[in-house]
Amino acid sequence: MQIIRKDIFKKFKWLKDKNRPFIISADYDGLMCSAFLSHYLKWNLVGYYNMENIWITNDGIKNKKDIIWVDLNILPEIGKSIGGHITILDNHIPKGLTSSCNLNVIRNITNTDFKGKYPLSTLSFLLWLYNTPLTMNNFSKFLILHSDSMWLKYQKYTKNVSKWFDVLEKYQWDNLFSNIDSIDFEKQIDQNYYPILISSGIFSGFSKLSSKHLNIKSREYKFNPDWDIDVMLNLYDLIKNNLKWNTPKIPIINKKIKGKKYTTDLNHVKKIGLSKFLVNNNVFSYAITSPQKIKYTVFDKIK
């Protein structure tokens, strides 16, 4: 089955809306998506969510029913999101996720199909969905490929990536991923691109993946909106100067809603049943992060 853009737009009509308020994941991919959506759809950034706390503006609170949650999957039925986590357990899809656009849900990828999970970033999905032309210099391409360590996933999960390229309606993937699996590209990352991010503060730790040729450890960036505004602006400057995207204004946060994040075994959830588990624990968002584990977030009082 091939996934066609017009079918997605038909099912999720809000994807064509302009000036939508939206909340992003509090990481590099979220910031890249925010620049894309601000530039191409004029969406208005109203907050952040790091799977534990929500930071939100007064405008976001006022228009909470219209918010799109980007690079996220939230459970309340009124919520709409664009995400890429695995959320189907034993072929059961919670009703609250039917209004959310997730390629793994569209293809019915479950907890037993991790090798077939969409391997790239939410940003790459947006580029494909809006059939975005790719004309860029090498560093601009890296800014995109660094999102969710796409270049490393292309190296490590080549077969699965190629299958998804076939499943998704035609796009200029070759332009984006040309020469990625090479020593020369890795040298550029190690000697030029990573140092630029590090000098700008756009680095908070390492992820699990390492490159094929030079064993370069993947770097990631997760931010805290309470004190990382200057670093976020540094990334926006790099995006504006290289990708030529209009970046959003940094929102004035008026409220921080604190939640609690938990991890539990999937076997425990299976015994209860996914729907009952979600209701009993008042789960706001969750992701099946491995064939054995589920991570979820709970808020004591939230509407």
Protein backbone atom coordinates (compact mmCIF):
# COMPACT_ATOMS: atom_id res chain seq x y z
CA MET A 1 0.00 0.00 0.00
CA GLN A 2 1.38 3.37 -1.00
CA ILE A 3 0.65 6.42 1.14
CA ILE A 4 -0.66 9.31 -0.96
CA ARG A 5 -0.50 12.94 0.17
CA LYS A 6 -4.05 13.82 -0.88
CA ASP A 7 -5.42 10.92 1.19
CA ILE A 8 -3.70 12.30 4.30
CA PHE A 9 -5.00 15.80 3.65
CA LYS A 10 -8.47 14.38 3.11
CA LYS A 11 -8.42 12.57 6.46
CA PHE A 12 -6.68 15.34 8.42
CA LYS A 13 -8.09 18.50 6.86
CA TRP A 14 -6.47 20.73 9.51
CA LEU A 15 -3.08 20.02 7.92
CA LYS A 16 -3.92 22.63 5.28
CA ASP A 17 -5.01 25.28 7.78
CA LYS A 18 -3.10 28.52 8.12
CA ASN A 19 -2.29 30.37 11.37
CA ARG A 20 -2.87 27.38 13.65
CA PRO A 21 -1.53 27.58 17.24
CA PHE A 22 0.89 24.75 17.91
CA ILE A 23 3.08 23.20 20.60
CA ILE A 24 6.35 21.40 19.86
CA SER A 25 8.51 18.77 21.51
CA ALA A 26 11.27 20.42 23.55
CA ASP A 27 14.16 19.25 21.38
CA TYR A 28 16.01 19.88 18.13
CA ASP A 29 13.40 18.19 15.92
CA GLY A 30 10.63 20.22 17.54
CA LEU A 31 12.46 23.50 16.85
CA MET A 32 13.16 22.53 13.24
CA CYS A 33 9.47 21.63 12.76
CA SER A 34 8.47 24.96 14.31
CA ALA A 35 10.57 26.86 11.76
CA PHE A 36 9.11 24.82 8.90
CA LEU A 37 5.49 25.33 10.00
CA SER A 38 6.02 29.00 10.74
CA HIS A 39 7.54 29.55 7.30
CA TYR A 40 5.22 27.46 5.13
CA LEU A 41 1.89 27.56 7.01
CA LYS A 42 2.23 30.67 9.20
CA TRP A 43 1.43 28.60 12.28
CA ASN A 44 1.89 30.32 15.66
CA LEU A 45 4.11 28.71 18.29
CA VAL A 46 2.36 28.81 21.69
CA GLY A 47 4.33 26.37 23.80
CA TYR A 48 6.48 23.32 24.41
CA TYR A 49 6.06 19.83 25.86
CA ASN A 50 8.94 17.59 26.98
CA MET A 51 6.79 14.55 27.86
CA GLU A 52 6.70 15.72 31.47
CA ASN A 53 5.93 19.45 31.60
CA ILE A 54 3.92 21.77 29.38
CA TRP A 55 4.93 25.41 28.87
CA ILE A 56 2.12 27.44 27.32
CA THR A 57 1.16 31.04 26.51
CA ASN A 58 -2.08 32.79 27.40
CA ASP A 59 -3.02 32.62 23.71
CA GLY A 60 -2.45 28.87 23.79
CA ILE A 61 -4.68 28.49 26.85
CA LYS A 62 -7.35 30.64 25.24
CA ASN A 63 -7.30 28.62 22.00
CA LYS A 64 -6.50 25.21 23.48
CA LYS A 65 -9.08 23.43 21.33
CA ASP A 66 -7.28 24.55 18.16
CA ILE A 67 -3.74 23.57 19.18
CA ILE A 68 -1.77 21.11 17.06
CA TRP A 69 0.85 19.12 18.97
CA VAL A 70 3.91 18.66 16.72
CA ASP A 71 6.45 15.84 17.03
CA LEU A 72 4.16 14.55 19.77
CA ASN A 73 1.24 12.18 20.33
CA ILE A 74 -1.34 13.19 22.91
CA LEU A 75 -4.32 11.15 24.01
CA PRO A 76 -7.25 13.54 24.71
CA GLU A 77 -9.81 13.22 21.91
CA ILE A 78 -9.98 16.95 21.36
CA GLY A 79 -6.23 17.07 20.69
CA LYS A 80 -4.68 16.83 17.24
CA SER A 81 -1.05 15.94 16.74
CA ILE A 82 1.66 15.13 14.22
CA GLY A 83 3.88 12.43 15.65
CA GLY A 84 5.94 9.35 14.95
CA HIS A 85 5.89 7.14 18.03
CA ILE A 86 4.51 3.61 18.06
CA THR A 87 1.21 3.76 19.92
CA ILE A 88 -0.64 0.62 18.78
CA LEU A 89 -0.60 -2.29 21.20
CA ASP A 90 -1.87 -5.65 19.90
CA ASN A 91 -3.74 -3.88 17.06
CA HIS A 92 -5.66 -1.62 19.44
CA ILE A 93 -5.72 2.11 18.64
CA PRO A 94 -7.12 4.35 21.40
CA LYS A 95 -9.92 6.58 20.19
CA GLY A 96 -8.03 9.70 21.22
CA LEU A 97 -5.32 9.03 18.63
CA THR A 98 -7.62 8.68 15.62
CA SER A 99 -7.53 12.46 15.10
CA SER A 100 -3.74 12.51 15.06
CA CYS A 101 -1.51 12.13 12.01
CA ASN A 102 1.08 9.42 12.63
CA LEU A 103 2.63 7.37 9.81
CA ASN A 104 3.01 4.36 12.10
CA VAL A 105 -0.71 4.44 12.86
CA ILE A 106 -1.55 4.93 9.18
CA ARG A 107 0.47 1.80 8.35
CA ASN A 108 -0.74 -0.06 11.45
CA ILE A 109 2.78 -0.51 12.85
CA THR A 110 2.39 -2.11 16.28
CA ASN A 111 4.54 -3.03 19.28
CA THR A 112 5.56 -6.19 17.41
CA ASP A 113 6.81 -4.33 14.32
CA PHE A 114 9.66 -2.15 15.58
CA LYS A 115 11.90 -3.04 12.63
CA GLY A 116 9.27 -1.52 10.33
CA LYS A 117 8.76 1.70 12.33
CA TYR A 118 9.04 4.99 10.44
CA PRO A 119 12.76 5.56 10.94
CA LEU A 120 13.13 9.26 10.13
CA SER A 121 12.11 12.51 11.80
CA THR A 122 8.84 14.41 12.02
CA LEU A 123 10.57 17.13 9.99
CA SER A 124 11.21 14.67 7.15
CA PHE A 125 7.52 13.74 7.17
CA LEU A 126 6.56 17.43 6.86
CA LEU A 127 9.03 17.92 4.00
CA TRP A 128 7.48 14.96 2.18
CA LEU A 129 3.86 15.85 3.00
CA TYR A 130 4.10 19.37 1.61
CA ASN A 131 6.34 18.19 -1.24
CA THR A 132 8.90 20.82 -0.22
CA PRO A 133 11.59 21.60 -2.83
CA LEU A 134 15.13 20.93 -1.65
CA THR A 135 17.71 23.36 -2.96
CA MET A 136 20.35 23.94 -0.31
CA ASN A 137 24.03 24.03 0.53
CA ASN A 138 25.76 21.23 2.44
CA PHE A 139 25.31 22.74 5.89
CA SER A 140 21.63 23.44 5.22
CA LYS A 141 21.19 19.80 4.31
CA PHE A 142 22.95 18.80 7.52
CA LEU A 143 20.57 20.96 9.62
CA ILE A 144 17.74 18.83 8.23
CA LEU A 145 19.58 15.51 8.46
CA HIS A 146 20.58 16.18 12.07
CA SER A 147 16.90 16.20 13.02
CA ASP A 148 16.34 12.99 14.98
CA SER A 149 19.76 11.80 13.68
CA MET A 150 18.32 11.03 10.26
CA TRP A 151 21.71 10.63 8.60
CA LEU A 152 22.69 7.94 11.11
CA LYS A 153 19.37 6.14 10.80
CA TYR A 154 19.83 6.14 7.04
CA GLN A 155 23.15 4.36 7.55
CA LYS A 156 21.97 1.93 10.21
CA TYR A 157 18.46 1.08 8.97
CA THR A 158 19.01 1.36 5.21
CA LYS A 159 16.62 -1.43 4.25
CA ASN A 160 13.74 -0.04 6.32
CA VAL A 161 14.39 3.52 5.10
CA SER A 162 14.28 2.32 1.48
CA LYS A 163 10.98 0.53 2.12
CA TRP A 164 9.46 3.73 3.47
CA PHE A 165 10.72 5.66 0.43
CA ASP A 166 8.77 3.19 -1.71
CA VAL A 167 5.67 3.37 0.50
CA LEU A 168 5.51 7.19 0.49
CA GLU A 169 4.39 8.94 -2.66
CA LYS A 170 7.34 10.09 -4.77
CA TYR A 171 9.68 12.69 -3.29
CA GLN A 172 13.23 13.88 -3.95
CA TRP A 173 14.78 11.71 -1.23
CA ASP A 174 17.87 11.09 -3.38
CA ASN A 175 18.67 14.79 -3.26
CA LEU A 176 18.50 14.85 0.53
CA PHE A 177 20.38 11.62 1.23
CA SER A 178 23.01 11.63 -1.52
CA ASN A 179 26.55 10.78 -0.32
CA ILE A 180 25.39 10.39 3.30
CA ASP A 181 26.87 6.91 3.68
CA SER A 182 30.47 8.03 3.14
CA ILE A 183 33.67 8.90 4.99
CA ASP A 184 33.75 12.35 3.37
CA PHE A 185 30.32 13.26 4.75
CA GLU A 186 31.24 12.03 8.22
CA LYS A 187 34.45 14.07 8.16
CA GLN A 188 32.40 17.18 7.35
CA ILE A 189 30.13 16.45 10.32
CA ASP A 190 32.99 15.78 12.72
CA GLN A 191 35.26 18.64 11.65
CA ASN A 192 32.77 21.34 10.57
CA TYR A 193 29.09 20.79 11.33
CA TYR A 194 29.07 19.43 14.88
CA PRO A 195 31.55 22.13 16.05
CA ILE A 196 29.14 24.82 14.77
CA LEU A 197 26.28 23.39 16.81
CA ILE A 198 28.43 22.89 19.89
CA SER A 199 29.81 26.45 19.77
CA SER A 200 26.21 27.71 19.56
CA GLY A 201 25.18 25.65 22.60
CA ILE A 202 22.97 23.35 20.51
CA PHE A 203 24.12 20.18 22.25
CA SER A 204 22.86 18.55 25.45
CA GLY A 205 24.10 14.96 25.20
CA PHE A 206 24.66 11.88 23.07
CA SER A 207 22.18 9.38 21.70
CA LYS A 208 22.77 5.66 21.17
CA LEU A 209 23.71 5.64 17.47
CA SER A 210 27.25 5.79 16.06
CA SER A 211 28.28 6.29 12.45
CA LYS A 212 29.41 3.47 10.19
CA HIS A 213 32.76 4.81 8.97
CA LEU A 214 34.30 6.99 11.70
CA ASN A 215 32.26 5.78 14.68
CA ILE A 216 30.98 9.30 15.37
CA LYS A 217 28.59 9.37 18.31
CA SER A 218 25.28 11.05 17.56
CA ARG A 219 24.67 14.33 19.36
CA GLU A 220 21.25 15.56 20.45
CA TYR A 221 19.72 18.73 21.80
CA LYS A 222 16.94 18.82 24.40
CA PHE A 223 16.13 22.24 25.80
CA ASN A 224 14.47 23.68 28.87
CA PRO A 225 12.33 26.75 27.98
CA ASP A 226 12.94 28.15 31.46
CA TRP A 227 16.55 29.04 30.65
CA ASP A 228 17.57 27.98 27.11
CA ILE A 229 16.03 30.82 25.09
CA ASP A 230 19.42 32.13 23.91
CA VAL A 231 20.38 28.71 22.50
CA MET A 232 17.01 28.33 20.79
CA LEU A 233 17.57 31.71 19.14
CA ASN A 234 21.02 30.55 18.01
CA LEU A 235 19.43 27.61 16.19
CA TYR A 236 16.78 29.86 14.66
CA ASP A 237 19.58 32.12 13.35
CA LEU A 238 21.26 29.14 11.71
CA ILE A 239 17.96 28.12 10.13
CA LYS A 240 17.22 31.63 8.84
CA ASN A 241 20.72 32.14 7.44
CA ASN A 242 21.03 28.75 5.76
CA LEU A 243 17.58 27.33 5.00
CA LYS A 244 16.03 30.80 4.53
CA TRP A 245 12.98 29.84 6.58
CA ASN A 246 11.13 32.48 8.58
CA THR A 247 11.34 31.27 12.17
CA PRO A 248 8.63 31.84 14.80
CA LYS A 249 8.82 34.39 17.57
CA ILE A 250 9.83 32.90 20.90
CA PRO A 251 6.51 32.66 22.77
CA ILE A 252 6.02 34.43 26.09
CA ILE A 253 5.23 31.56 28.45
CA ASN A 254 2.54 32.36 31.01
CA LYS A 255 2.00 28.95 32.57
CA LYS A 256 4.00 25.82 33.30
CA ILE A 257 1.97 22.67 33.92
CA LYS A 258 3.95 20.01 35.74
CA GLY A 259 3.31 16.33 35.11
CA LYS A 260 4.87 13.02 36.03
CA LYS A 261 6.56 10.63 33.64
CA TYR A 262 6.53 6.86 34.14
CA THR A 263 7.90 3.73 32.48
CA THR A 264 6.33 0.31 32.81
CA ASP A 265 6.42 -3.13 31.19
CA LEU A 266 4.13 -3.76 28.26
CA ASN A 267 3.18 -7.13 29.74
CA HIS A 268 1.63 -5.28 32.68
CA VAL A 269 -0.41 -3.13 30.28
CA LYS A 270 -1.49 -6.16 28.24
CA LYS A 271 -2.89 -7.86 31.34
CA ILE A 272 -5.07 -4.83 32.08
CA GLY A 273 -5.82 -3.88 28.48
CA LEU A 274 -4.50 -0.71 26.87
CA SER A 275 -7.73 1.33 27.04
CA LYS A 276 -8.37 0.46 30.66
CA PHE A 277 -4.74 1.16 31.58
CA LEU A 278 -4.87 4.61 29.94
CA VAL A 279 -8.16 5.52 31.66
CA ASN A 280 -7.16 4.14 35.08
CA ASN A 281 -3.91 6.11 35.05
CA ASN A 282 -5.36 9.30 33.51
CA VAL A 283 -2.68 9.17 30.79
CA PHE A 284 -2.16 12.34 28.76
CA SER A 285 0.43 11.01 26.32
CA TYR A 286 2.41 7.83 25.83
CA ALA A 287 4.82 6.04 23.51
CA ILE A 288 5.74 2.39 23.14
CA THR A 289 9.51 2.81 23.15
CA SER A 290 10.54 -0.83 22.77
CA PRO A 291 8.87 -4.23 22.41
CA GLN A 292 8.94 -4.44 26.23
CA LYS A 293 8.42 -0.88 27.51
CA ILE A 294 5.86 1.90 27.46
CA LYS A 295 6.49 5.46 28.68
CA TYR A 296 3.58 7.66 29.67
CA THR A 297 2.81 11.03 31.26
CA VAL A 298 0.16 11.92 33.82
CA PHE A 299 -1.09 15.32 34.98
CA ASP A 300 -2.93 15.59 38.30
CA LYS A 301 -5.26 18.32 37.10
CA ILE A 302 -5.46 19.30 33.46
CA LYS A 303 -8.24 20.18 31.07
